[in-house]
Structures are given as C-alpha cells and as structure tokens.
Protein backbone atom coordinates (compact mmCIF):
# COMPACT_ATOMS: atom_id res chain seq x y z
CA UNK A 1 36.64 -39.88 -22.87
CA UNK A 2 32.93 -39.65 -23.28
CA UNK A 3 31.80 -36.36 -22.22
CA UNK A 4 27.81 -35.33 -20.94
CA UNK A 5 27.18 -32.13 -21.68
CA UNK A 6 24.16 -30.66 -19.72
CA UNK A 7 23.22 -26.85 -20.63
CA UNK A 8 20.78 -24.74 -18.56
CA UNK A 9 19.72 -21.66 -20.60
CA UNK A 10 22.62 -22.26 -23.15
CA UNK A 11 22.17 -23.88 -26.65
CA UNK A 12 24.63 -26.39 -27.61
CA UNK A 13 25.74 -25.94 -31.25
CA UNK A 14 27.42 -28.98 -33.34
CA UNK A 15 30.24 -25.96 -33.67
CA UNK A 16 30.22 -25.52 -30.06
CA UNK A 17 30.77 -29.29 -29.67
CA UNK A 18 33.37 -29.62 -31.91
CA UNK A 19 35.18 -26.87 -30.03
CA UNK A 20 34.97 -28.75 -26.77
CA UNK A 21 35.75 -32.04 -28.05
CA UNK A 22 39.06 -30.65 -29.56
CA UNK A 23 39.96 -28.83 -26.30
CA UNK A 24 38.96 -32.04 -24.16
CA UNK A 25 41.26 -34.06 -26.59
CA UNK A 26 44.24 -32.67 -24.45
CA UNK A 27 42.69 -33.85 -21.36
CA UNK A 28 42.10 -37.25 -22.99
CA UNK A 29 46.38 -37.53 -23.13
CA UNK A 30 46.71 -36.45 -19.26
CA UNK A 31 43.82 -38.07 -17.37
CA UNK A 32 44.05 -41.74 -16.83
CA UNK A 33 41.01 -43.77 -15.88
CA UNK A 34 38.55 -41.37 -16.13
CA UNK A 35 35.00 -42.95 -15.35
CA UNK A 36 32.87 -39.99 -15.73
CA UNK A 37 33.32 -36.60 -17.58
CA UNK A 38 30.49 -33.84 -17.10
CA UNK A 39 30.30 -30.59 -18.58
CA UNK A 40 27.56 -27.99 -17.11
CA UNK A 41 26.61 -25.15 -18.70
CA UNK A 42 24.64 -22.62 -17.11
CA UNK A 43 23.55 -18.86 -18.52
CA UNK A 44 22.11 -16.44 -16.14
CA UNK A 45 21.21 -12.57 -15.89
CA UNK A 46 23.23 -10.43 -13.36
CA UNK A 47 21.42 -7.88 -11.34
CA UNK A 48 22.77 -5.39 -14.26
CA UNK A 49 20.99 -7.68 -16.77
CA UNK A 50 24.34 -8.45 -18.57
CA UNK A 51 24.36 -12.26 -19.12
CA UNK A 52 26.95 -14.89 -17.54
CA UNK A 53 27.56 -18.12 -18.54
CA UNK A 54 29.53 -20.52 -16.37
CA UNK A 55 31.15 -23.57 -17.36
CA UNK A 56 31.78 -26.33 -14.76
CA UNK A 57 33.80 -29.40 -15.59
CA UNK A 58 33.97 -32.31 -13.75
CA UNK A 59 36.05 -35.34 -14.14
CA UNK A 60 35.99 -38.65 -11.80
CA UNK A 61 38.46 -41.33 -11.56
CA UNK A 62 37.81 -44.17 -9.24
CA UNK A 63 38.40 -42.33 -5.91
CA UNK A 64 39.48 -39.08 -7.15
CA UNK A 65 37.29 -35.89 -8.27
CA UNK A 66 38.57 -33.11 -10.29
CA UNK A 67 36.55 -29.66 -10.87
CA UNK A 68 37.02 -26.88 -12.41
CA UNK A 69 34.57 -23.92 -13.12
CA UNK A 70 34.94 -20.61 -14.67
CA UNK A 71 32.58 -17.93 -15.69
CA UNK A 72 32.66 -15.11 -18.60
CA UNK A 73 29.77 -13.21 -20.67
CA UNK A 74 31.05 -15.65 -23.56
CA UNK A 75 30.07 -19.28 -23.29
CA UNK A 76 33.29 -20.28 -25.18
CA UNK A 77 35.51 -18.38 -23.12
CA UNK A 78 33.83 -19.75 -20.10
CA UNK A 79 34.39 -23.61 -21.55
CA UNK A 80 37.80 -22.37 -22.47
CA UNK A 81 39.04 -21.34 -18.97
CA UNK A 82 37.24 -24.12 -17.26
CA UNK A 83 39.48 -26.71 -19.30
CA UNK A 84 42.59 -25.13 -18.95
CA UNK A 85 41.78 -24.79 -15.16
CA UNK A 86 41.16 -28.76 -15.28
CA UNK A 87 44.37 -29.31 -17.40
CA UNK A 88 46.44 -27.40 -14.61
CA UNK A 89 44.78 -29.44 -11.94
CA UNK A 90 45.53 -32.60 -13.64
CA UNK A 91 49.18 -31.89 -14.20
CA UNK A 92 49.66 -30.80 -10.55
CA UNK A 93 48.08 -34.02 -9.62
CA UNK A 94 50.31 -36.06 -12.18
CA UNK A 95 53.52 -34.66 -11.05
CA UNK A 96 52.49 -34.86 -7.33
CA UNK A 97 51.98 -38.54 -7.81
CA UNK A 98 55.41 -38.92 -9.43
CA UNK A 99 57.28 -36.82 -7.04
CA UNK A 100 55.45 -39.16 -4.01
CA UNK A 101 56.77 -42.06 -5.79
CA UNK A 102 60.48 -40.70 -6.50
CA UNK A 103 60.86 -39.03 -2.79
CA UNK A 104 58.35 -40.70 -0.61
CA UNK A 105 57.87 -37.32 0.66
CA UNK A 106 55.90 -37.09 4.15
CA UNK A 107 52.53 -34.73 3.89
CA UNK A 108 52.61 -31.48 5.54
CA UNK A 109 51.93 -32.00 9.31
CA UNK A 110 48.35 -31.74 10.38
CA UNK A 111 47.42 -29.53 13.18
CA UNK A 112 44.33 -30.27 15.00
CA UNK A 113 42.89 -26.90 16.41
CA UNK A 114 40.10 -26.44 18.51
CA UNK A 115 37.16 -24.77 16.61
CA UNK A 116 37.40 -21.53 19.05
CA UNK A 117 40.90 -20.72 18.22
CA UNK A 118 40.85 -20.05 14.86
CA UNK A 119 38.56 -18.03 12.22
CA UNK A 120 37.05 -20.63 9.91
CA UNK A 121 35.77 -19.75 6.21
CA UNK A 122 32.11 -19.02 6.33
CA UNK A 123 32.06 -19.23 2.61
CA UNK A 124 32.33 -23.20 2.57
CA UNK A 125 30.86 -24.98 -0.54
CA UNK A 126 30.83 -28.61 -1.07
CA UNK A 127 33.13 -30.63 -2.51
CA UNK A 128 32.19 -32.55 -5.75
CA UNK A 129 30.43 -35.82 -6.60
CA UNK A 130 27.35 -33.38 -5.30
CA UNK A 131 23.61 -32.76 -6.27
CA UNK A 132 22.43 -29.20 -6.41
CA UNK A 133 19.25 -28.84 -4.83
CA UNK A 134 16.79 -25.99 -5.45
CA UNK A 135 16.87 -23.57 -2.08
CA UNK A 136 13.24 -22.42 -1.21
CA UNK A 137 12.77 -18.73 -0.77
CA UNK A 138 13.21 -17.45 2.89
CA UNK A 139 16.78 -18.95 2.80
CA UNK A 140 18.46 -16.13 1.44
CA UNK A 141 21.75 -16.75 3.50
CA UNK A 142 22.26 -20.07 1.90
CA UNK A 143 23.43 -19.56 -1.99
CA UNK A 144 23.14 -23.16 -2.82
CA UNK A 145 22.80 -26.85 -1.18
CA UNK A 146 24.40 -29.99 -2.44
CA UNK A 147 24.03 -33.48 -1.15
CA UNK A 148 26.35 -36.30 -2.12
CA UNK A 149 27.59 -39.69 -1.20
CA UNK A 150 30.46 -39.68 0.96
CA UNK A 151 32.71 -42.65 1.91
CA UNK A 152 34.98 -43.27 4.68
CA UNK A 153 38.76 -42.01 4.09
CA UNK A 154 41.85 -41.71 5.50
CA UNK A 155 43.15 -38.20 6.44
CA UNK A 156 45.91 -38.32 3.54
CA UNK A 157 43.43 -39.49 1.00
CA UNK A 158 41.09 -36.06 2.24
CA UNK A 159 44.17 -33.97 1.70
CA UNK A 160 44.55 -35.19 -1.70
CA UNK A 161 40.95 -34.79 -2.59
CA UNK A 162 41.05 -31.24 -1.01
CA UNK A 163 43.65 -30.30 -3.20
CA UNK A 164 42.27 -31.57 -6.54
CA UNK A 165 39.35 -29.88 -6.15
CA UNK A 166 40.91 -26.77 -5.23
CA UNK A 167 39.33 -25.74 -2.09
CA UNK A 168 40.89 -24.44 1.30
CA UNK A 169 38.72 -26.86 3.27
CA UNK A 170 37.24 -30.57 2.89
CA UNK A 171 34.53 -32.16 4.59
CA UNK A 172 34.76 -36.05 4.99
CA UNK A 173 34.06 -39.15 7.18
CA UNK A 174 37.38 -40.10 8.73
CA UNK A 175 37.87 -44.00 8.19
CA UNK A 176 39.90 -43.98 11.61
CA UNK A 177 36.94 -43.20 13.83
CA UNK A 178 34.00 -42.96 11.50
CA UNK A 179 33.50 -39.55 12.85
CA UNK A 180 32.56 -36.61 10.12
CA UNK A 181 35.51 -33.76 10.09
CA UNK A 182 36.89 -31.29 8.29
CA UNK A 183 40.20 -30.36 7.01
CA UNK A 184 41.46 -27.01 6.09
CA UNK A 185 44.20 -25.29 5.07
CA UNK A 186 45.66 -22.72 7.61
CA UNK A 187 47.39 -19.43 6.52
CA UNK A 188 50.64 -20.72 7.42
CA UNK A 189 50.40 -23.49 4.73
CA UNK A 190 50.04 -26.28 7.25
CA UNK A 191 46.56 -28.30 7.49
CA UNK A 192 44.02 -28.22 10.39
CA UNK A 193 41.40 -31.07 11.09
CA UNK A 194 38.46 -30.35 13.15
CA UNK A 195 36.89 -33.61 14.65
CA UNK A 196 33.89 -33.91 17.20
CA UNK A 197 34.43 -35.65 20.38
C-alpha cells in the first residue's frame, strides 16, 4: 500500500520512514483493497511546556474507513501505538466479516429513543474522511471542526462504520429516508438511533 505522510512540526527522517514502512508491512498482509493510506504526524507543546506527538493513521477501503490515533512524548512510540491499534481494528473487522458469513448472525437490536430520554455524549467528534479546519478565536468551546463527504448508507453499514472507527456514535445520512441521523452505542450494549421528524 502507498502511504502518504503529512507532518506538522515533526521531521520525518529516512530512518523513521523505514521504521514506518516496516511496521506498515504487517497491515499490507491484513488489509485488502486499501485505496488510500494517510499518516498524519503533529507535534504540539502542552501547557506545561512539554512536547507531545500525535500520530493519526487512516486507511480507506472502498466504502470503509479505519482510523487510529495515538499520542506520546516520542514520535516513534506514537506511530507504533497507532499502527498497533489499526492492526487490531483490521483483525476485528476481518473476524466480524468471517463470522457473519459463517453464521449470518443478526446485528444487535436498534433502539429508537427520543432525544430527551437519555444523555447523549457531548464530546462528539466526526468520523474520518474529514478535513480539519482552523477554528477562529472566540469559539473556545469547539476544539475542532471537520467537514466531510457524506454518502447515504443503510443503518447496518452505519453500525459497521461506527465500529471500524471505534466511536460510540456515528452521524450519517440514512439511505432509507434521506435524513441525517445519529447512531450511538447505549450503556447496555444495544444501539440507539436519533432521527429528525
């Protein structure tokens, strides 16, 4: 797979590139049909003055997006952790596909819940396929804004996507009614679906 590396405040040396390629070779054997692979590296100063490195790895396969992110004081450790997380996601996804084919097991029951009945997480972040934008000063409550292409999908596909990116919620355009909906994981392990009237 051809990996694109985007660095912000991090110098990517030849040795680091070889390390990344060696670690990514494990994903080559696991992930089929990867159309795009991106590693974003960022170094930032914390309030205490220490430097923290973030590695965000995104793989796109036709209709699925897999993403892993890790932070560490050392860039190599952040990269290593992000790749390990993504390897676990790919294995989990492949196992789930194999299990579904063998057993044809039904998905967990979806539960439609009115918005006021439960507390919905407020620390929502958007799924990948997104482009991050700078947030103007004065909007301190919004840590990050992303825009992304949104193709209509069925609820089962939305559940699969939510599980792949490892979030507890997923914002999508429902193919059934062409309305925007939020799918989320409830504390009892079932799923909730919020849709406008």
